[in-house]
Amino acid sequence: MDVATRDLLIKWAETYNDPVWFKEDPIAFPTRFEERRRRGDASLQDVEVAAVFAAHFAWGRRAMIVRDCGRLFDAMDWKPYDYVMKGCYRDDPVSIHRTVKWCEVAAICGRLRQIYGERDSLESLSVEDIRCRVFGQKPDAKAPNKKINMMRRWLVRRDGSVDLGIWKDTDPDCLLIPLDVHVYDEASALGLTTRRQKDITTVLEITDTFRQIFPGDPCKGDFALFGYGISKQ
């Protein structure tokens, strides 16, 4: 990577790691519960459950994601952890967000209820645990796990800006870039990867490059890619 590109990535990361760009974004929901938690009106578990569903719905236009997340939390009476633990869920094949149906939400809630019966937080779960035990997906050693890595970024990074940093026992250096088609295209255009597959190997390659630019905090590079996307508009 040439010096000019490296300097641009650093500039974009510094510019766009700012809450002003994420008011209408899925992270707004766990952020709202974290603000309530600081006032004593919500729990760490509320933030975690909000993050699980905001990440799960993070597919499509941001306005649609925000709208449908709002509908979900309205149904939960804005008490997501209580909703999960009460065990009485809307469970029908009607869509809540694109192809996500209420019955899928109910299944995730049921799995979360079981997990919270065993532990106080989701932090000790690995990416594979979250994939299988929370979202009910089959193991896949090649999967990029974009939504899970995004959720972990929200909950682990602790620079006091956009991300929440409530998971104190997880090192930000171990986080992986959330890779979807748009992130892949931007990373590829910038020369951060030459691979064609959008898989975990590509995730690791991009993350390792960012680890060199942002030592100890590779997912700060996610904001640089966001900035690159903005710069093309």
C-alpha atoms as a PDB file:
ATOM      1  CA  MET A   1       0.000   0.000   0.000  1.00  0.00           C
ATOM      2  CA  ASP A   2       1.358   3.424  -0.918  1.00  0.00           C
ATOM      3  CA  VAL A   3       1.710   6.170   1.666  1.00  0.00           C
ATOM      4  CA  ALA A   4      -1.015   8.332   0.114  1.00  0.00           C
ATOM      5  CA  THR A   5      -3.617   5.558   0.368  1.00  0.00           C
ATOM      6  CA  ARG A   6      -2.577   4.785   3.932  1.00  0.00           C
ATOM      7  CA  ASP A   7      -2.885   8.461   4.891  1.00  0.00           C
ATOM      8  CA  LEU A   8      -6.324   8.680   3.263  1.00  0.00           C
ATOM      9  CA  LEU A   9      -7.533   5.634   5.178  1.00  0.00           C
ATOM     10  CA  ILE A  10      -6.359   7.170   8.446  1.00  0.00           C
ATOM     11  CA  LYS A  11      -8.037  10.470   7.560  1.00  0.00           C
ATOM     12  CA  TRP A  12     -11.317   8.777   6.655  1.00  0.00           C
ATOM     13  CA  ALA A  13     -11.289   6.694   9.836  1.00  0.00           C
ATOM     14  CA  GLU A  14     -10.755   9.779  11.988  1.00  0.00           C
ATOM     15  CA  THR A  15     -13.444  11.750  10.137  1.00  0.00           C
ATOM     16  CA  TYR A  16     -16.179   9.128  10.037  1.00  0.00           C
ATOM     17  CA  ASN A  17     -15.659   7.580  13.474  1.00  0.00           C
ATOM     18  CA  ASP A  18     -18.205  10.122  14.643  1.00  0.00           C
ATOM     19  CA  PRO A  19     -21.766   9.577  15.907  1.00  0.00           C
ATOM     20  CA  VAL A  20     -23.100  12.249  13.560  1.00  0.00           C
ATOM     21  CA  TRP A  21     -22.846   9.737  10.685  1.00  0.00           C
ATOM     22  CA  PHE A  22     -24.684   6.963  12.553  1.00  0.00           C
ATOM     23  CA  LYS A  23     -27.870   8.548  13.874  1.00  0.00           C
ATOM     24  CA  GLU A  24     -29.923   6.667  11.270  1.00  0.00           C
ATOM     25  CA  ASP A  25     -28.061   3.379  11.501  1.00  0.00           C
ATOM     26  CA  PRO A  26     -28.682   0.011  13.208  1.00  0.00           C
ATOM     27  CA  ILE A  27     -26.147   0.888  15.919  1.00  0.00           C
ATOM     28  CA  ALA A  28     -28.530   3.640  17.031  1.00  0.00           C
ATOM     29  CA  PHE A  29     -30.619   1.005  18.851  1.00  0.00           C
ATOM     30  CA  PRO A  30     -27.995  -0.543  21.148  1.00  0.00           C
ATOM     31  CA  THR A  31     -26.686   3.017  21.602  1.00  0.00           C
ATOM     32  CA  ARG A  32     -30.105   4.129  22.824  1.00  0.00           C
ATOM     33  CA  PHE A  33     -30.239   1.292  25.348  1.00  0.00           C
ATOM     34  CA  GLU A  34     -26.670   2.014  26.473  1.00  0.00           C
ATOM     35  CA  GLU A  35     -27.651   5.635  27.121  1.00  0.00           C
ATOM     36  CA  ARG A  36     -30.585   4.373  29.186  1.00  0.00           C
ATOM     37  CA  ARG A  37     -28.297   1.952  31.022  1.00  0.00           C
ATOM     38  CA  ARG A  38     -26.051   4.822  32.065  1.00  0.00           C
ATOM     39  CA  ARG A  39     -29.119   6.520  33.539  1.00  0.00           C
ATOM     40  CA  GLY A  40     -30.085   3.311  35.337  1.00  0.00           C
ATOM     41  CA  ASP A  41     -33.102   2.630  33.098  1.00  0.00           C
ATOM     42  CA  ALA A  42     -31.774  -0.419  31.215  1.00  0.00           C
ATOM     43  CA  SER A  43     -29.389  -3.312  31.683  1.00  0.00           C
ATOM     44  CA  LEU A  44     -26.308  -4.614  29.911  1.00  0.00           C
ATOM     45  CA  GLN A  45     -28.516  -7.449  28.675  1.00  0.00           C
ATOM     46  CA  ASP A  46     -30.908  -4.927  27.083  1.00  0.00           C
ATOM     47  CA  VAL A  47     -27.978  -3.503  25.135  1.00  0.00           C
ATOM     48  CA  GLU A  48     -26.841  -6.971  24.072  1.00  0.00           C
ATOM     49  CA  VAL A  49     -30.290  -8.084  22.890  1.00  0.00           C
ATOM     50  CA  ALA A  50     -30.732  -4.802  21.017  1.00  0.00           C
ATOM     51  CA  ALA A  51     -27.353  -5.348  19.357  1.00  0.00           C
ATOM     52  CA  VAL A  52     -28.250  -8.917  18.366  1.00  0.00           C
ATOM     53  CA  PHE A  53     -31.412  -7.843  16.554  1.00  0.00           C
ATOM     54  CA  ALA A  54     -30.073  -4.578  15.123  1.00  0.00           C
ATOM     55  CA  ALA A  55     -27.185  -6.544  13.604  1.00  0.00           C
ATOM     56  CA  HIS A  56     -29.526  -9.288  12.389  1.00  0.00           C
ATOM     57  CA  PHE A  57     -31.713  -6.707  10.618  1.00  0.00           C
ATOM     58  CA  ALA A  58     -28.676  -4.901   9.109  1.00  0.00           C
ATOM     59  CA  TRP A  59     -29.487  -5.822   5.531  1.00  0.00           C
ATOM     60  CA  GLY A  60     -30.840  -3.387   2.964  1.00  0.00           C
ATOM     61  CA  ARG A  61     -31.385   0.372   3.037  1.00  0.00           C
ATOM     62  CA  ARG A  62     -30.564   1.972   6.355  1.00  0.00           C
ATOM     63  CA  ALA A  63     -33.953   3.734   6.498  1.00  0.00           C
ATOM     64  CA  MET A  64     -35.732   0.374   6.144  1.00  0.00           C
ATOM     65  CA  ILE A  65     -33.509  -1.261   8.764  1.00  0.00           C
ATOM     66  CA  VAL A  66     -34.175   1.553  11.237  1.00  0.00           C
ATOM     67  CA  ARG A  67     -37.916   1.448  10.556  1.00  0.00           C
ATOM     68  CA  ASP A  68     -38.153  -2.300  11.108  1.00  0.00           C
ATOM     69  CA  CYS A  69     -35.930  -2.284  14.189  1.00  0.00           C
ATOM     70  CA  GLY A  70     -38.256   0.342  15.631  1.00  0.00           C
ATOM     71  CA  ARG A  71     -41.249  -1.904  14.927  1.00  0.00           C
ATOM     72  CA  LEU A  72     -39.509  -4.800  16.663  1.00  0.00           C
ATOM     73  CA  PHE A  73     -38.643  -2.847  19.800  1.00  0.00           C
ATOM     74  CA  ASP A  74     -42.145  -1.363  19.903  1.00  0.00           C
ATOM     75  CA  ALA A  75     -43.437  -4.957  20.048  1.00  0.00           C
ATOM     76  CA  MET A  76     -40.961  -5.602  22.881  1.00  0.00           C
ATOM     77  CA  ASP A  77     -42.273  -2.507  24.717  1.00  0.00           C
ATOM     78  CA  TRP A  78     -38.676  -1.235  24.552  1.00  0.00           C
ATOM     79  CA  LYS A  79     -37.692  -3.818  27.172  1.00  0.00           C
ATOM     80  CA  PRO A  80     -35.874  -6.396  25.029  1.00  0.00           C
ATOM     81  CA  TYR A  81     -34.317  -8.416  27.841  1.00  0.00           C
ATOM     82  CA  ASP A  82     -37.651  -8.681  29.701  1.00  0.00           C
ATOM     83  CA  TYR A  83     -39.319  -9.714  26.452  1.00  0.00           C
ATOM     84  CA  VAL A  84     -36.721 -12.438  25.900  1.00  0.00           C
ATOM     85  CA  MET A  85     -36.915 -13.789  29.431  1.00  0.00           C
ATOM     86  CA  LYS A  86     -40.729 -13.852  29.675  1.00  0.00           C
ATOM     87  CA  GLY A  87     -40.813 -16.433  26.893  1.00  0.00           C
ATOM     88  CA  CYS A  88     -44.045 -15.266  25.269  1.00  0.00           C
ATOM     89  CA  TYR A  89     -43.195 -14.272  21.700  1.00  0.00           C
ATOM     90  CA  ARG A  90     -45.043 -13.428  18.532  1.00  0.00           C
ATOM     91  CA  ASP A  91     -44.422 -16.563  16.488  1.00  0.00           C
ATOM     92  CA  ASP A  92     -45.924 -16.456  12.992  1.00  0.00           C
ATOM     93  CA  PRO A  93     -44.602 -16.542   9.402  1.00  0.00           C
ATOM     94  CA  VAL A  94     -45.257 -12.831   8.787  1.00  0.00           C
ATOM     95  CA  SER A  95     -42.288 -10.699   7.712  1.00  0.00           C
ATOM     96  CA  ILE A  96     -40.864  -8.140  10.141  1.00  0.00           C
ATOM     97  CA  HIS A  97     -37.858  -7.203   7.998  1.00  0.00           C
ATOM     98  CA  ARG A  98     -37.415  -8.373   4.433  1.00  0.00           C
ATOM     99  CA  THR A  99     -37.163 -12.190   4.638  1.00  0.00           C
ATOM    100  CA  VAL A 100     -36.874 -12.155   8.458  1.00  0.00           C
ATOM    101  CA  LYS A 101     -40.149 -13.391   9.925  1.00  0.00           C
ATOM    102  CA  TRP A 102     -41.576 -13.076  13.406  1.00  0.00           C
ATOM    103  CA  CYS A 103     -41.118 -16.815  13.911  1.00  0.00           C
ATOM    104  CA  GLU A 104     -37.381 -16.378  13.301  1.00  0.00           C
ATOM    105  CA  VAL A 105     -37.296 -13.565  15.854  1.00  0.00           C
ATOM    106  CA  ALA A 106     -39.111 -15.863  18.284  1.00  0.00           C
ATOM    107  CA  ALA A 107     -36.573 -18.639  17.723  1.00  0.00           C
ATOM    108  CA  ILE A 108     -33.672 -16.258  18.406  1.00  0.00           C
ATOM    109  CA  CYS A 109     -35.416 -15.016  21.543  1.00  0.00           C
ATOM    110  CA  GLY A 110     -35.867 -18.574  22.757  1.00  0.00           C
ATOM    111  CA  ARG A 111     -32.202 -19.344  22.254  1.00  0.00           C
ATOM    112  CA  LEU A 112     -31.199 -16.124  24.004  1.00  0.00           C
ATOM    113  CA  ARG A 113     -33.447 -17.050  26.928  1.00  0.00           C
ATOM    114  CA  GLN A 114     -31.658 -20.369  27.265  1.00  0.00           C
ATOM    115  CA  ILE A 115     -28.219 -18.713  27.088  1.00  0.00           C
ATOM    116  CA  TYR A 116     -29.140 -16.069  29.663  1.00  0.00           C
ATOM    117  CA  GLY A 117     -30.301 -18.868  31.918  1.00  0.00           C
ATOM    118  CA  GLU A 118     -26.679 -20.048  31.916  1.00  0.00           C
ATOM    119  CA  ARG A 119     -24.750 -16.749  32.045  1.00  0.00           C
ATOM    120  CA  ASP A 120     -25.180 -13.031  32.620  1.00  0.00           C
ATOM    121  CA  SER A 121     -23.703 -11.836  29.330  1.00  0.00           C
ATOM    122  CA  LEU A 122     -23.114 -12.951  25.751  1.00  0.00           C
ATOM    123  CA  GLU A 123     -19.522 -11.733  25.837  1.00  0.00           C
ATOM    124  CA  SER A 124     -17.965 -15.135  26.538  1.00  0.00           C
ATOM    125  CA  LEU A 125     -19.558 -16.621  23.396  1.00  0.00           C
ATOM    126  CA  SER A 126     -17.248 -17.083  20.425  1.00  0.00           C
ATOM    127  CA  VAL A 127     -18.203 -15.995  16.912  1.00  0.00           C
ATOM    128  CA  GLU A 128     -19.094 -19.613  16.164  1.00  0.00           C
ATOM    129  CA  ASP A 129     -21.167 -19.812  19.364  1.00  0.00           C
ATOM    130  CA  ILE A 130     -23.122 -16.722  18.351  1.00  0.00           C
ATOM    131  CA  ARG A 131     -23.612 -18.061  14.837  1.00  0.00           C
ATOM    132  CA  CYS A 132     -24.961 -21.404  16.031  1.00  0.00           C
ATOM    133  CA  ARG A 133     -26.385 -20.833  19.517  1.00  0.00           C
ATOM    134  CA  VAL A 134     -27.934 -17.386  18.986  1.00  0.00           C
ATOM    135  CA  PHE A 135     -28.787 -17.245  15.288  1.00  0.00           C
ATOM    136  CA  GLY A 136     -29.382 -20.978  14.843  1.00  0.00           C
ATOM    137  CA  GLN A 137     -27.170 -21.305  11.780  1.00  0.00           C
ATOM    138  CA  LYS A 138     -25.081 -24.324  10.867  1.00  0.00           C
ATOM    139  CA  PRO A 139     -21.318 -24.204  11.500  1.00  0.00           C
ATOM    140  CA  ASP A 140     -19.384 -22.868   8.519  1.00  0.00           C
ATOM    141  CA  ALA A 141     -15.616 -22.499   8.817  1.00  0.00           C
ATOM    142  CA  LYS A 142     -15.478 -20.304   5.702  1.00  0.00           C
ATOM    143  CA  ALA A 143     -18.308 -17.899   6.544  1.00  0.00           C
ATOM    144  CA  PRO A 144     -17.382 -14.196   6.896  1.00  0.00           C
ATOM    145  CA  ASN A 145     -20.032 -13.757   9.648  1.00  0.00           C
ATOM    146  CA  LYS A 146     -20.498 -10.089   8.794  1.00  0.00           C
ATOM    147  CA  LYS A 147     -23.379  -9.372  11.176  1.00  0.00           C
ATOM    148  CA  ILE A 148     -21.690 -11.068  14.118  1.00  0.00           C
ATOM    149  CA  ASN A 149     -18.411  -9.252  13.563  1.00  0.00           C
ATOM    150  CA  MET A 150     -20.276  -5.961  13.267  1.00  0.00           C
ATOM    151  CA  MET A 151     -22.126  -6.608  16.518  1.00  0.00           C
ATOM    152  CA  ARG A 152     -18.869  -7.476  18.254  1.00  0.00           C
ATOM    153  CA  ARG A 153     -17.311  -4.259  16.948  1.00  0.00           C
ATOM    154  CA  TRP A 154     -20.182  -2.272  18.456  1.00  0.00           C
ATOM    155  CA  LEU A 155     -19.850  -3.934  21.838  1.00  0.00           C
ATOM    156  CA  VAL A 156     -16.042  -4.189  22.138  1.00  0.00           C
ATOM    157  CA  ARG A 157     -14.407  -1.083  20.640  1.00  0.00           C
ATOM    158  CA  ARG A 158     -14.053   1.485  23.375  1.00  0.00           C
ATOM    159  CA  ASP A 159     -12.691   4.731  21.980  1.00  0.00           C
ATOM    160  CA  GLY A 160     -15.734   6.613  23.275  1.00  0.00           C
ATOM    161  CA  SER A 161     -17.047   7.660  19.880  1.00  0.00           C
ATOM    162  CA  VAL A 162     -19.448   5.492  17.840  1.00  0.00           C
ATOM    163  CA  ASP A 163     -18.920   2.055  19.385  1.00  0.00           C
ATOM    164  CA  LEU A 164     -20.118   1.238  22.876  1.00  0.00           C
ATOM    165  CA  GLY A 165     -17.242  -0.659  24.512  1.00  0.00           C
ATOM    166  CA  ILE A 166     -19.368  -2.498  27.073  1.00  0.00           C
ATOM    167  CA  TRP A 167     -17.562  -5.829  26.654  1.00  0.00           C
ATOM    168  CA  LYS A 168     -14.504  -5.108  28.771  1.00  0.00           C
ATOM    169  CA  ASP A 169     -12.886  -8.561  28.696  1.00  0.00           C
ATOM    170  CA  THR A 170     -12.488  -8.735  24.918  1.00  0.00           C
ATOM    171  CA  ASP A 171      -9.416  -7.263  23.228  1.00  0.00           C
ATOM    172  CA  PRO A 172     -10.285  -4.958  20.284  1.00  0.00           C
ATOM    173  CA  ASP A 173      -7.231  -6.369  18.500  1.00  0.00           C
ATOM    174  CA  CYS A 174      -9.056  -9.695  18.054  1.00  0.00           C
ATOM    175  CA  LEU A 175     -12.013  -8.149  16.214  1.00  0.00           C
ATOM    176  CA  LEU A 176     -12.557  -8.875  12.526  1.00  0.00           C
ATOM    177  CA  ILE A 177     -13.800  -6.546   9.790  1.00  0.00           C
ATOM    178  CA  PRO A 178     -17.534  -7.039   9.048  1.00  0.00           C
ATOM    179  CA  LEU A 179     -17.428  -8.102   5.398  1.00  0.00           C
ATOM    180  CA  ASP A 180     -20.393  -7.756   3.073  1.00  0.00           C
ATOM    181  CA  VAL A 181     -20.535  -7.060  -0.673  1.00  0.00           C
ATOM    182  CA  HIS A 182     -20.116  -3.294  -0.288  1.00  0.00           C
ATOM    183  CA  VAL A 183     -17.217  -3.573   2.150  1.00  0.00           C
ATOM    184  CA  TYR A 184     -15.587  -6.142  -0.122  1.00  0.00           C
ATOM    185  CA  ASP A 185     -15.927  -3.889  -3.170  1.00  0.00           C
ATOM    186  CA  GLU A 186     -14.427  -0.924  -1.329  1.00  0.00           C
ATOM    187  CA  ALA A 187     -11.578  -2.970   0.152  1.00  0.00           C
ATOM    188  CA  SER A 188     -10.854  -4.482  -3.245  1.00  0.00           C
ATOM    189  CA  ALA A 189     -10.839  -1.086  -4.968  1.00  0.00           C
ATOM    190  CA  LEU A 190      -8.356   0.176  -2.386  1.00  0.00           C
ATOM    191  CA  GLY A 191      -6.077  -2.821  -2.887  1.00  0.00           C
ATOM    192  CA  LEU A 192      -6.665  -4.267   0.591  1.00  0.00           C
ATOM    193  CA  THR A 193      -7.408  -7.671  -0.923  1.00  0.00           C
ATOM    194  CA  THR A 194      -6.947  -9.364  -4.293  1.00  0.00           C
ATOM    195  CA  ARG A 195      -9.112 -12.374  -3.458  1.00  0.00           C
ATOM    196  CA  ARG A 196     -12.413 -12.975  -5.242  1.00  0.00           C
ATOM    197  CA  GLN A 197     -14.065 -14.988  -2.474  1.00  0.00           C
ATOM    198  CA  LYS A 198     -16.000 -13.101   0.178  1.00  0.00           C
ATOM    199  CA  ASP A 199     -15.042 -15.553   2.907  1.00  0.00           C
ATOM    200  CA  ILE A 200     -13.218 -15.667   6.235  1.00  0.00           C
ATOM    201  CA  THR A 201      -9.800 -15.771   4.525  1.00  0.00           C
ATOM    202  CA  THR A 202     -10.586 -12.448   2.856  1.00  0.00           C
ATOM    203  CA  VAL A 203     -11.849 -11.075   6.165  1.00  0.00           C
ATOM    204  CA  LEU A 204      -8.551 -12.010   7.816  1.00  0.00           C
ATOM    205  CA  GLU A 205      -6.524 -10.510   4.972  1.00  0.00           C
ATOM    206  CA  ILE A 206      -8.315  -7.145   5.152  1.00  0.00           C
ATOM    207  CA  THR A 207      -8.218  -7.160   8.954  1.00  0.00           C
ATOM    208  CA  ASP A 208      -4.487  -7.882   8.992  1.00  0.00           C
ATOM    209  CA  THR A 209      -3.874  -4.954   6.664  1.00  0.00           C
ATOM    210  CA  PHE A 210      -5.855  -2.662   8.939  1.00  0.00           C
ATOM    211  CA  ARG A 211      -4.001  -4.059  11.953  1.00  0.00           C
ATOM    212  CA  GLN A 212      -0.830  -2.585  10.444  1.00  0.00           C
ATOM    213  CA  ILE A 213      -2.493   0.808   9.958  1.00  0.00           C
ATOM    214  CA  PHE A 214      -4.393   0.864  13.262  1.00  0.00           C
ATOM    215  CA  PRO A 215      -2.287  -1.237  15.662  1.00  0.00           C
ATOM    216  CA  GLY A 216      -4.402  -2.894  18.346  1.00  0.00           C
ATOM    217  CA  ASP A 217      -7.631  -1.621  16.769  1.00  0.00           C
ATOM    218  CA  PRO A 218      -8.066  -3.078  13.257  1.00  0.00           C
ATOM    219  CA  CYS A 219     -11.821  -2.487  13.129  1.00  0.00           C
ATOM    220  CA  LYS A 220     -11.232   1.246  13.148  1.00  0.00           C
ATOM    221  CA  GLY A 221     -10.615   0.514   9.486  1.00  0.00           C
ATOM    222  CA  ASP A 222     -14.342  -0.126   9.096  1.00  0.00           C
ATOM    223  CA  PHE A 223     -14.854   3.638   9.372  1.00  0.00           C
ATOM    224  CA  ALA A 224     -12.182   4.195   6.724  1.00  0.00           C
ATOM    225  CA  LEU A 225     -14.122   1.981   4.298  1.00  0.00           C
ATOM    226  CA  PHE A 226     -17.312   3.841   5.216  1.00  0.00           C
ATOM    227  CA  GLY A 227     -15.460   7.063   4.409  1.00  0.00           C
ATOM    228  CA  TYR A 228     -14.310   5.692   1.075  1.00  0.00           C
ATOM    229  CA  GLY A 229     -17.907   4.852   0.239  1.00  0.00           C
ATOM    230  CA  ILE A 230     -19.011   8.390   1.145  1.00  0.00           C
ATOM    231  CA  SER A 231     -16.178   9.880  -0.932  1.00  0.00           C
ATOM    232  CA  LYS A 232     -17.500   8.147  -4.076  1.00  0.00           C
ATOM    233  CA  GLN A 233     -21.011   9.602  -3.805  1.00  0.00           C
END
